[in-house]
Amino acid sequence: MNAADDYLDDDLVVVHTVLGNASAYVLMLRGTTSSWNAPALEAHFERAITHGIAVIVDCGALRFGDSNLLRLLLHTRALRQLVLVGPISTTFTHRLAVTGTAAHFPITPTLTRALALVAS
């Protein structure tokens, strides 16, 4: 890991990390996303996108992901290669299924597998 910054935004912790030789920008999400932390979450995703490399979003410690998170994932996917790391919470898995967007996101069980996927 090259660098990590922790941010706390109303029950959401976002850790930024650039892995490998800048092959992937990782956002590790812990807690819940909500309207209270939506502006900060958007800023975190914009920071990841501006690096110009693949984005990996580790959702393993995310208790709840709202529709704003889904919007940010779709936006990021349109601009960069995007891989999610699970396990994905039951509620967010349901959100992906109900919206018909589950197939848009490769989901890996580990960060190692996600890195291998973006390297291929």
Protein backbone atom coordinates (compact mmCIF):
# COMPACT_ATOMS: atom_id res chain seq x y z
CA MET A 1 0.00 0.00 0.00
CA ASN A 2 1.37 3.35 -0.96
CA ALA A 3 -0.76 5.76 1.03
CA ALA A 4 -3.98 5.74 2.99
CA ASP A 5 -6.21 8.50 4.24
CA ASP A 6 -9.14 7.91 6.58
CA TYR A 7 -12.24 10.09 6.49
CA LEU A 8 -15.18 9.99 8.88
CA ASP A 9 -18.48 11.31 7.56
CA ASP A 10 -21.54 10.66 9.76
CA ASP A 11 -21.17 6.92 10.36
CA LEU A 12 -19.23 6.35 7.15
CA VAL A 13 -15.49 5.79 7.05
CA VAL A 14 -13.80 5.95 3.67
CA VAL A 15 -10.19 4.84 3.32
CA HIS A 16 -8.35 5.86 0.14
CA THR A 17 -5.40 3.74 -1.00
CA VAL A 18 -3.40 3.49 -4.22
CA LEU A 19 -2.21 -0.10 -4.66
CA GLY A 20 0.57 -1.67 -6.64
CA ASN A 21 2.40 0.45 -9.12
CA ALA A 22 -0.64 2.72 -9.41
CA SER A 23 -2.75 0.03 -11.10
CA ALA A 24 -5.77 0.59 -8.87
CA TYR A 25 -7.28 3.20 -6.62
CA VAL A 26 -9.10 1.56 -3.73
CA LEU A 27 -11.97 3.02 -1.73
CA MET A 28 -12.73 0.99 1.39
CA LEU A 29 -16.20 1.82 2.73
CA ARG A 30 -17.18 1.10 6.34
CA GLY A 31 -20.52 1.98 7.89
CA THR A 32 -23.55 3.30 6.06
CA THR A 33 -24.16 5.66 3.17
CA SER A 34 -27.00 8.14 3.54
CA SER A 35 -28.22 11.56 2.48
CA TRP A 36 -26.20 12.98 5.39
CA ASN A 37 -22.88 11.90 3.94
CA ALA A 38 -23.78 11.95 0.24
CA PRO A 39 -21.76 15.11 -0.63
CA ALA A 40 -18.65 13.76 1.10
CA LEU A 41 -19.07 10.33 -0.53
CA GLU A 42 -19.32 11.98 -3.93
CA ALA A 43 -16.09 13.86 -3.23
CA HIS A 44 -14.36 10.59 -2.33
CA PHE A 45 -15.45 9.00 -5.61
CA GLU A 46 -14.39 12.06 -7.62
CA ARG A 47 -10.97 11.89 -6.00
CA ALA A 48 -10.68 8.24 -7.06
CA ILE A 49 -11.85 8.93 -10.61
CA THR A 50 -9.38 11.77 -11.15
CA HIS A 51 -6.43 9.42 -10.65
CA GLY A 52 -7.16 7.97 -14.09
CA ILE A 53 -6.73 4.33 -13.05
CA ALA A 54 -9.06 1.46 -12.23
CA VAL A 55 -11.22 1.90 -9.14
CA ILE A 56 -11.82 -0.89 -6.65
CA VAL A 57 -14.55 -0.33 -4.05
CA ASP A 58 -14.27 -2.58 -1.02
CA CYS A 59 -17.80 -2.98 0.37
CA GLY A 60 -16.98 -5.76 2.83
CA ALA A 61 -17.56 -3.54 5.87
CA LEU A 62 -20.42 -1.52 4.40
CA ARG A 63 -23.56 -2.12 6.47
CA PHE A 64 -25.93 -0.20 4.18
CA GLY A 65 -25.54 1.28 0.71
CA ASP A 66 -28.18 3.73 -0.47
CA SER A 67 -29.28 4.77 -3.96
CA ASN A 68 -26.68 7.53 -4.01
CA LEU A 69 -23.93 4.93 -3.67
CA LEU A 70 -25.44 3.02 -6.57
CA ARG A 71 -25.48 6.23 -8.64
CA LEU A 72 -21.82 6.88 -7.83
CA LEU A 73 -20.87 3.31 -8.75
CA LEU A 74 -22.64 3.60 -12.10
CA HIS A 75 -20.99 6.97 -12.77
CA THR A 76 -17.55 5.60 -11.88
CA ARG A 77 -18.11 2.52 -14.03
CA ALA A 78 -18.85 4.76 -17.02
CA LEU A 79 -15.47 6.48 -16.62
CA ARG A 80 -13.11 3.84 -15.21
CA GLN A 81 -12.77 0.11 -14.84
CA LEU A 82 -14.61 -0.70 -11.61
CA VAL A 83 -14.54 -3.80 -9.42
CA LEU A 84 -16.38 -4.34 -6.13
CA VAL A 85 -15.01 -6.41 -3.25
CA GLY A 86 -17.48 -8.21 -1.04
CA PRO A 87 -19.14 -9.61 0.74
CA ILE A 88 -21.87 -7.21 -0.30
CA SER A 89 -24.56 -6.61 2.34
CA THR A 90 -27.93 -8.26 1.83
CA THR A 91 -29.65 -4.89 1.48
CA PHE A 92 -27.23 -3.59 -1.16
CA THR A 93 -27.35 -6.91 -3.01
CA HIS A 94 -31.13 -6.51 -3.05
CA ARG A 95 -30.80 -2.92 -4.35
CA LEU A 96 -28.57 -4.14 -7.19
CA ALA A 97 -31.04 -6.92 -8.05
CA VAL A 98 -34.15 -4.73 -7.93
CA THR A 99 -32.58 -2.04 -10.12
CA GLY A 100 -31.27 -4.57 -12.63
CA THR A 101 -27.70 -3.33 -12.18
CA ALA A 102 -26.08 -6.37 -10.52
CA ALA A 103 -24.62 -7.60 -13.80
CA HIS A 104 -22.84 -4.27 -14.33
CA PHE A 105 -20.42 -4.83 -11.46
CA PRO A 106 -17.84 -7.58 -11.17
CA ILE A 107 -17.76 -8.60 -7.50
CA THR A 108 -14.78 -10.44 -6.06
CA PRO A 109 -14.44 -11.98 -2.59
CA THR A 110 -10.98 -10.49 -1.94
CA LEU A 111 -8.91 -7.44 -2.76
CA THR A 112 -6.24 -9.72 -4.23
CA ARG A 113 -8.71 -11.07 -6.78
CA ALA A 114 -9.93 -7.59 -7.59
CA LEU A 115 -6.36 -6.49 -8.28
CA ALA A 116 -5.84 -9.49 -10.55
CA LEU A 117 -9.03 -8.63 -12.42
CA VAL A 118 -7.99 -5.01 -13.08
CA ALA A 119 -4.52 -6.16 -14.13
CA SER A 120 -5.92 -8.48 -16.82
